[in-house]
C-alpha atoms as a PDB file:
ATOM      1  CA  MET A   1      -6.373  25.618  19.660  1.00  0.00           C
ATOM      2  CA  ASN A   2      -5.237  27.216  22.873  1.00  0.00           C
ATOM      3  CA  GLY A   3      -2.001  26.663  24.923  1.00  0.00           C
ATOM      4  CA  ARG A   4      -3.145  23.971  26.797  1.00  0.00           C
ATOM      5  CA  ILE A   5      -4.104  22.059  24.415  1.00  0.00           C
ATOM      6  CA  LYS A   6      -1.227  22.076  21.950  1.00  0.00           C
ATOM      7  CA  SER A   7       1.207  22.010  24.944  1.00  0.00           C
ATOM      8  CA  ALA A   8      -0.900  18.153  26.053  1.00  0.00           C
ATOM      9  CA  LEU A   9      -0.478  17.223  22.780  1.00  0.00           C
ATOM     10  CA  LYS A  10       3.222  17.953  22.582  1.00  0.00           C
ATOM     11  CA  TYR A  11       3.641  15.713  25.241  1.00  0.00           C
ATOM     12  CA  ILE A  12       1.435  12.918  24.057  1.00  0.00           C
ATOM     13  CA  ILE A  13       3.346  13.056  20.905  1.00  0.00           C
ATOM     14  CA  LEU A  14       6.517  12.751  22.944  1.00  0.00           C
ATOM     15  CA  ALA A  15       5.216   9.795  25.308  1.00  0.00           C
ATOM     16  CA  LEU A  16       3.885   7.950  21.637  1.00  0.00           C
ATOM     17  CA  LEU A  17       7.653   8.453  20.262  1.00  0.00           C
ATOM     18  CA  VAL A  18       8.903   7.452  23.251  1.00  0.00           C
ATOM     19  CA  ALA A  19       6.461   4.206  23.531  1.00  0.00           C
ATOM     20  CA  ILE A  20       7.512   3.215  19.737  1.00  0.00           C
ATOM     21  CA  ILE A  21      10.951   3.735  20.522  1.00  0.00           C
ATOM     22  CA  VAL A  22      10.902   1.544  23.174  1.00  0.00           C
ATOM     23  CA  PHE A  23       8.973  -1.549  21.948  1.00  0.00           C
ATOM     24  CA  ILE A  24      11.125  -1.509  18.546  1.00  0.00           C
ATOM     25  CA  ILE A  25      14.292  -1.911  20.922  1.00  0.00           C
ATOM     26  CA  LEU A  26      13.027  -4.781  23.224  1.00  0.00           C
ATOM     27  CA  LYS A  27      11.027  -6.152  19.399  1.00  0.00           C
ATOM     28  CA  TYR A  28      14.344  -6.500  18.161  1.00  0.00           C
ATOM     29  CA  LYS A  29      16.446  -7.422  21.179  1.00  0.00           C
ATOM     30  CA  SER A  30      15.461 -10.556  20.884  1.00  0.00           C
ATOM     31  CA  ILE A  31      14.836 -10.395  17.073  1.00  0.00           C
ATOM     32  CA  GLY A  32      17.943 -12.673  16.941  1.00  0.00           C
ATOM     33  CA  ARG A  33      16.568 -15.522  18.800  1.00  0.00           C
ATOM     34  CA  VAL A  34      13.125 -15.498  16.923  1.00  0.00           C
ATOM     35  CA  PHE A  35      14.349 -15.247  13.537  1.00  0.00           C
ATOM     36  CA  ASN A  36      17.433 -17.289  13.570  1.00  0.00           C
ATOM     37  CA  PHE A  37      19.910 -15.028  12.184  1.00  0.00           C
ATOM     38  CA  ARG A  38      22.597 -17.222  12.480  1.00  0.00           C
ATOM     39  CA  HIS A  39      21.098 -19.848  10.806  1.00  0.00           C
ATOM     40  CA  MET A  40      19.880 -17.649   7.956  1.00  0.00           C
ATOM     41  CA  LYS A  41      23.342 -15.775   7.931  1.00  0.00           C
ATOM     42  CA  ARG A  42      24.856 -19.123   6.705  1.00  0.00           C
ATOM     43  CA  LEU A  43      22.333 -20.209   4.502  1.00  0.00           C
ATOM     44  CA  ILE A  44      23.006 -16.833   1.924  1.00  0.00           C
ATOM     45  CA  LEU A  45      26.483 -17.190   2.940  1.00  0.00           C
ATOM     46  CA  SER A  46      26.809 -20.875   1.571  1.00  0.00           C
ATOM     47  CA  TYR A  47      25.826 -19.288  -1.499  1.00  0.00           C
ATOM     48  CA  GLY A  48      28.966 -18.372  -1.882  1.00  0.00           C
ATOM     49  CA  LYS A  49      29.920 -15.709  -4.795  1.00  0.00           C
ATOM     50  CA  TYR A  50      25.795 -15.722  -5.650  1.00  0.00           C
ATOM     51  CA  SER A  51      24.966 -14.962  -2.085  1.00  0.00           C
ATOM     52  CA  ALA A  52      24.175 -11.354  -3.093  1.00  0.00           C
ATOM     53  CA  LEU A  53      21.770 -12.952  -5.915  1.00  0.00           C
ATOM     54  CA  VAL A  54      20.172 -15.046  -3.699  1.00  0.00           C
ATOM     55  CA  PHE A  55      19.179 -12.122  -1.352  1.00  0.00           C
ATOM     56  CA  ILE A  56      18.162  -9.921  -4.294  1.00  0.00           C
ATOM     57  CA  LEU A  57      15.916 -13.281  -5.896  1.00  0.00           C
ATOM     58  CA  MET A  58      14.515 -14.103  -1.852  1.00  0.00           C
ATOM     59  CA  TYR A  59      13.380 -10.273  -2.006  1.00  0.00           C
ATOM     60  CA  THR A  60      11.855 -10.024  -5.570  1.00  0.00           C
ATOM     61  CA  LEU A  61       9.923 -13.225  -4.845  1.00  0.00           C
ATOM     62  CA  LYS A  62       8.671 -12.058  -1.505  1.00  0.00           C
ATOM     63  CA  PRO A  63       5.354 -10.705  -2.706  1.00  0.00           C
ATOM     64  CA  ILE A  64       4.251 -14.407  -4.229  1.00  0.00           C
ATOM     65  CA  LEU A  65       5.983 -16.530  -1.457  1.00  0.00           C
ATOM     66  CA  PHE A  66       5.778 -14.175   2.024  1.00  0.00           C
ATOM     67  CA  ILE A  67       8.796 -15.741   2.655  1.00  0.00           C
ATOM     68  CA  VAL A  68       9.579 -12.885   5.799  1.00  0.00           C
ATOM     69  CA  PRO A  69       8.748  -9.532   6.161  1.00  0.00           C
ATOM     70  CA  ALA A  70      10.707  -6.674   4.288  1.00  0.00           C
ATOM     71  CA  SER A  71      12.079  -5.322   7.283  1.00  0.00           C
ATOM     72  CA  LEU A  72      13.524  -8.767   8.798  1.00  0.00           C
ATOM     73  CA  LEU A  73      15.296  -9.355   5.005  1.00  0.00           C
ATOM     74  CA  SER A  74      16.974  -5.637   4.977  1.00  0.00           C
ATOM     75  CA  ILE A  75      18.080  -6.421   8.595  1.00  0.00           C
ATOM     76  CA  LEU A  76      19.420  -9.695   7.573  1.00  0.00           C
ATOM     77  CA  ALA A  77      21.034  -8.371   4.743  1.00  0.00           C
ATOM     78  CA  GLY A  78      22.589  -5.488   7.047  1.00  0.00           C
ATOM     79  CA  ASN A  79      24.064  -8.499   9.424  1.00  0.00           C
ATOM     80  CA  VAL A  80      25.211 -10.415   6.467  1.00  0.00           C
ATOM     81  CA  PHE A  81      26.869  -7.794   3.886  1.00  0.00           C
ATOM     82  CA  GLY A  82      27.375  -5.094   6.198  1.00  0.00           C
ATOM     83  CA  PRO A  83      25.258  -1.520   6.050  1.00  0.00           C
ATOM     84  CA  TYR A  84      26.366  -0.187   2.607  1.00  0.00           C
ATOM     85  CA  ILE A  85      25.994  -3.126   0.501  1.00  0.00           C
ATOM     86  CA  ALA A  86      22.922  -4.287   2.163  1.00  0.00           C
ATOM     87  CA  LEU A  87      21.488  -0.862   1.682  1.00  0.00           C
ATOM     88  CA  ILE A  88      22.173  -1.505  -2.060  1.00  0.00           C
ATOM     89  CA  LEU A  89      20.675  -5.069  -2.301  1.00  0.00           C
ATOM     90  CA  SER A  90      17.528  -3.902  -0.217  1.00  0.00           C
ATOM     91  CA  MET A  91      17.291  -1.257  -2.414  1.00  0.00           C
ATOM     92  CA  ILE A  92      17.208  -3.357  -5.292  1.00  0.00           C
ATOM     93  CA  GLY A  93      15.092  -6.032  -3.900  1.00  0.00           C
ATOM     94  CA  CYS A  94      12.662  -3.667  -3.056  1.00  0.00           C
ATOM     95  CA  PHE A  95      12.747  -2.914  -6.401  1.00  0.00           C
ATOM     96  CA  GLY A  96      12.283  -5.753  -7.699  1.00  0.00           C
ATOM     97  CA  SER A  97       9.517  -6.649  -4.970  1.00  0.00           C
ATOM     98  CA  ALA A  98       7.560  -4.000  -5.742  1.00  0.00           C
ATOM     99  CA  THR A  99       7.513  -4.499  -9.323  1.00  0.00           C
ATOM    100  CA  VAL A 100       6.302  -7.876  -9.051  1.00  0.00           C
ATOM    101  CA  ALA A 101       3.264  -6.535  -6.502  1.00  0.00           C
ATOM    102  CA  PHE A 102       2.116  -3.668  -9.188  1.00  0.00           C
ATOM    103  CA  TYR A 103       2.226  -5.978 -12.708  1.00  0.00           C
ATOM    104  CA  MET A 104       0.511  -8.719 -10.362  1.00  0.00           C
ATOM    105  CA  ALA A 105      -2.248  -7.354  -9.376  1.00  0.00           C
ATOM    106  CA  ARG A 106      -2.585  -4.709 -12.568  1.00  0.00           C
ATOM    107  CA  PHE A 107      -2.700  -8.201 -14.609  1.00  0.00           C
ATOM    108  CA  LEU A 108      -5.024 -10.553 -12.833  1.00  0.00           C
ATOM    109  CA  GLY A 109      -7.314  -8.010 -10.912  1.00  0.00           C
ATOM    110  CA  ARG A 110      -8.782  -7.658  -7.732  1.00  0.00           C
ATOM    111  CA  SER A 111     -10.225 -11.090  -6.557  1.00  0.00           C
ATOM    112  CA  PHE A 112      -6.630 -12.146  -7.171  1.00  0.00           C
ATOM    113  CA  VAL A 113      -5.041  -9.870  -4.699  1.00  0.00           C
ATOM    114  CA  ASP A 114      -8.156 -10.536  -2.309  1.00  0.00           C
ATOM    115  CA  LYS A 115      -7.274 -14.569  -2.641  1.00  0.00           C
ATOM    116  CA  LEU A 116      -3.854 -13.958  -2.065  1.00  0.00           C
ATOM    117  CA  LEU A 117      -3.968 -11.419   0.966  1.00  0.00           C
ATOM    118  CA  LYS A 118      -6.959 -13.399   2.469  1.00  0.00           C
ATOM    119  CA  GLY A 119      -9.605 -10.060   2.184  1.00  0.00           C
ATOM    120  CA  LYS A 120      -6.761  -7.712   3.250  1.00  0.00           C
ATOM    121  CA  ALA A 121      -5.750  -6.073   0.527  1.00  0.00           C
ATOM    122  CA  LEU A 122      -5.711  -1.902   1.119  1.00  0.00           C
ATOM    123  CA  LYS A 123      -8.077   0.197  -1.012  1.00  0.00           C
ATOM    124  CA  LEU A 124      -6.702   3.153  -2.292  1.00  0.00           C
ATOM    125  CA  ASP A 125      -8.669   5.543  -4.713  1.00  0.00           C
ATOM    126  CA  ASN A 126      -8.557   4.751  -7.858  1.00  0.00           C
ATOM    127  CA  ASN A 127      -8.539   8.572  -8.960  1.00  0.00           C
ATOM    128  CA  ILE A 128      -4.580   9.426  -8.166  1.00  0.00           C
ATOM    129  CA  GLU A 129      -3.649   9.347 -11.366  1.00  0.00           C
ATOM    130  CA  LYS A 130      -2.152  12.905 -11.508  1.00  0.00           C
ATOM    131  CA  ASN A 131      -0.976  13.019  -7.753  1.00  0.00           C
ATOM    132  CA  GLY A 132       0.663   9.082  -7.787  1.00  0.00           C
ATOM    133  CA  PHE A 133       4.158  10.336  -7.245  1.00  0.00           C
ATOM    134  CA  PHE A 134       3.024  12.524  -3.999  1.00  0.00           C
ATOM    135  CA  ILE A 135       0.823   9.785  -2.396  1.00  0.00           C
ATOM    136  CA  MET A 136       3.148   6.361  -3.311  1.00  0.00           C
ATOM    137  CA  LEU A 137       5.916   8.815  -1.656  1.00  0.00           C
ATOM    138  CA  ILE A 138       3.865   9.671   1.887  1.00  0.00           C
ATOM    139  CA  MET A 139       2.598   6.178   1.711  1.00  0.00           C
ATOM    140  CA  ARG A 140       5.893   5.066   2.284  1.00  0.00           C
ATOM    141  CA  LEU A 141       7.204   7.238   4.381  1.00  0.00           C
ATOM    142  CA  SER A 142       4.939   6.863   6.789  1.00  0.00           C
ATOM    143  CA  ILE A 143       5.398   3.145   7.286  1.00  0.00           C
ATOM    144  CA  ILE A 144       2.234   2.090   8.514  1.00  0.00           C
ATOM    145  CA  PHE A 145       1.656   0.013   5.330  1.00  0.00           C
ATOM    146  CA  ASN A 146       2.598  -3.305   4.684  1.00  0.00           C
ATOM    147  CA  TYR A 147       5.283  -3.074   1.677  1.00  0.00           C
ATOM    148  CA  ASP A 148       3.712  -5.908  -0.298  1.00  0.00           C
ATOM    149  CA  ALA A 149       0.168  -5.029   0.607  1.00  0.00           C
ATOM    150  CA  LEU A 150       0.759  -1.286  -0.967  1.00  0.00           C
ATOM    151  CA  GLY A 151       2.060  -2.759  -3.908  1.00  0.00           C
ATOM    152  CA  TYR A 152      -0.621  -4.350  -4.737  1.00  0.00           C
ATOM    153  CA  ALA A 153      -3.385  -2.205  -3.959  1.00  0.00           C
ATOM    154  CA  ALA A 154      -1.318   0.622  -6.246  1.00  0.00           C
ATOM    155  CA  GLY A 155      -1.710  -2.038  -9.121  1.00  0.00           C
ATOM    156  CA  LEU A 156      -5.336  -2.003  -8.961  1.00  0.00           C
ATOM    157  CA  THR A 157      -5.808   1.731  -9.466  1.00  0.00           C
ATOM    158  CA  SER A 158      -5.498   4.287 -12.717  1.00  0.00           C
ATOM    159  CA  MET A 159      -1.556   5.052 -11.384  1.00  0.00           C
ATOM    160  CA  SER A 160       1.172   5.012 -13.439  1.00  0.00           C
ATOM    161  CA  TYR A 161       4.303   2.530 -12.893  1.00  0.00           C
ATOM    162  CA  LYS A 162       6.543   5.262 -13.207  1.00  0.00           C
ATOM    163  CA  ASP A 163       4.955   7.244 -10.355  1.00  0.00           C
ATOM    164  CA  PHE A 164       4.514   3.983  -7.943  1.00  0.00           C
ATOM    165  CA  ILE A 165       7.411   2.767  -8.471  1.00  0.00           C
ATOM    166  CA  ALA A 166       9.847   6.435  -7.834  1.00  0.00           C
ATOM    167  CA  GLY A 167       7.549   7.367  -5.131  1.00  0.00           C
ATOM    168  CA  THR A 168       8.295   3.608  -3.770  1.00  0.00           C
ATOM    169  CA  MET A 169      12.581   3.955  -4.022  1.00  0.00           C
ATOM    170  CA  ILE A 170      12.498   7.451  -2.440  1.00  0.00           C
ATOM    171  CA  GLY A 171       9.724   6.558  -0.098  1.00  0.00           C
ATOM    172  CA  ILE A 172      11.583   3.505   1.601  1.00  0.00           C
ATOM    173  CA  LEU A 173      15.138   4.914   1.376  1.00  0.00           C
ATOM    174  CA  PRO A 174      15.117   6.348   4.926  1.00  0.00           C
ATOM    175  CA  GLU A 175      13.417   2.817   6.186  1.00  0.00           C
ATOM    176  CA  MET A 176      16.197   0.747   4.195  1.00  0.00           C
ATOM    177  CA  VAL A 177      19.037   3.018   5.461  1.00  0.00           C
ATOM    178  CA  THR A 178      17.456   2.699   9.212  1.00  0.00           C
ATOM    179  CA  TYR A 179      17.162  -1.672   8.918  1.00  0.00           C
ATOM    180  CA  SER A 180      20.711  -2.032   7.176  1.00  0.00           C
ATOM    181  CA  LEU A 181      22.305  -0.276   9.900  1.00  0.00           C
ATOM    182  CA  MET A 182      20.133  -2.026  12.211  1.00  0.00           C
ATOM    183  CA  GLY A 183      21.538  -4.910  10.784  1.00  0.00           C
ATOM    184  CA  LYS A 184      24.644  -4.338  11.834  1.00  0.00           C
ATOM    185  CA  ASN A 185      24.479  -3.701  15.190  1.00  0.00           C
ATOM    186  CA  ILE A 186      21.344  -6.316  16.185  1.00  0.00           C
ATOM    187  CA  GLU A 187      23.975  -7.853  18.930  1.00  0.00           C
ATOM    188  CA  HIS A 188      23.985  -4.250  20.585  1.00  0.00           C
ATOM    189  CA  PRO A 189      20.463  -3.084  20.929  1.00  0.00           C
ATOM    190  CA  LEU A 190      20.839  -0.329  23.364  1.00  0.00           C
ATOM    191  CA  SER A 191      23.783   1.299  21.264  1.00  0.00           C
ATOM    192  CA  VAL A 192      23.475   4.674  20.022  1.00  0.00           C
ATOM    193  CA  ARG A 193      24.428   3.291  16.494  1.00  0.00           C
ATOM    194  CA  PHE A 194      21.135   1.180  17.070  1.00  0.00           C
ATOM    195  CA  ILE A 195      19.114   3.378  18.449  1.00  0.00           C
ATOM    196  CA  VAL A 196      19.412   7.145  16.651  1.00  0.00           C
ATOM    197  CA  PRO A 197      18.672   5.474  13.241  1.00  0.00           C
ATOM    198  CA  ILE A 198      15.345   4.311  14.848  1.00  0.00           C
ATOM    199  CA  ILE A 199      14.764   7.937  16.215  1.00  0.00           C
ATOM    200  CA  MET A 200      14.889   9.044  13.034  1.00  0.00           C
ATOM    201  CA  VAL A 201      12.799   6.828  10.878  1.00  0.00           C
ATOM    202  CA  VAL A 202       9.827   7.024  13.220  1.00  0.00           C
ATOM    203  CA  ILE A 203      10.048  10.712  13.670  1.00  0.00           C
ATOM    204  CA  ILE A 204       9.896  11.075   9.373  1.00  0.00           C
ATOM    205  CA  GLY A 205       7.247   7.824   9.509  1.00  0.00           C
ATOM    206  CA  LEU A 206       5.491  10.107  12.213  1.00  0.00           C
ATOM    207  CA  ILE A 207       5.302  13.536   9.681  1.00  0.00           C
ATOM    208  CA  ALA A 208       3.985  11.584   7.177  1.00  0.00           C
ATOM    209  CA  SER A 209       1.299   9.720   8.351  1.00  0.00           C
ATOM    210  CA  TYR A 210       0.001  12.915   9.620  1.00  0.00           C
ATOM    211  CA  LEU A 211       0.404  14.344   6.084  1.00  0.00           C
ATOM    212  CA  TYR A 212      -1.503  10.921   4.790  1.00  0.00           C
ATOM    213  CA  LYS A 213      -4.332  11.434   7.523  1.00  0.00           C
ATOM    214  CA  SER A 214      -4.322  15.400   6.818  1.00  0.00           C
ATOM    215  CA  ARG A 215      -4.357  15.471   3.312  1.00  0.00           C
ATOM    216  CA  ILE A 216      -4.558  12.425   1.374  1.00  0.00           C
ATOM    217  CA  SER A 217      -6.820  10.348   3.413  1.00  0.00           C
ATOM    218  CA  LYS A 218      -9.348  13.123   3.480  1.00  0.00           C
ATOM    219  CA  LYS A 219      -9.224  13.873  -0.073  1.00  0.00           C
ATOM    220  CA  ASN A 220     -10.039   9.781  -0.839  1.00  0.00           C
ATOM    221  CA  LYS A 221     -13.108   9.999   1.519  1.00  0.00           C
END
């Protein structure tokens, strides 16, 4: 690869990075109107001392009920509980929802998953028993895969639950930190505290996506 091509690729990647950041900022600038944070905040806080448990329950049952995406729930938590408590609650909720999706797929099979996801279920290489943790870690870090769909897909393979949940929890950590901070600063989408976490998680996601496509995806073909 000559210097001109490398230079062009750098500019293309930079342009894509900027475009993604701008898209996220514009998207979440109006998220308060679409998702109605005030209403959801009042709803959760109406449970008083049980509000945190209600949030975790909503998160855990998300793969079944499809209440709202994981990203929105974690942003909501950041707005309701503050970033530190939100991160803890979101990680607990992610653990619960990932476990539910994994074991539902494992016990109920592909026909159930296909019906539940309306034929949009992800397909993973069934021979991933040896590298399950690494594969799941990279796929979670890449942030391009649907959270629950990936859990269902993993449950249909020979991947061990230990590798699945370990790769999941480590892989989603940067994303959950970002969403928790976004929730705290949702009313100031142009602030540094809102933008910087997005930049960091996008960079991590792009690197993980590259690793997935260059190594894992090719091996599965």
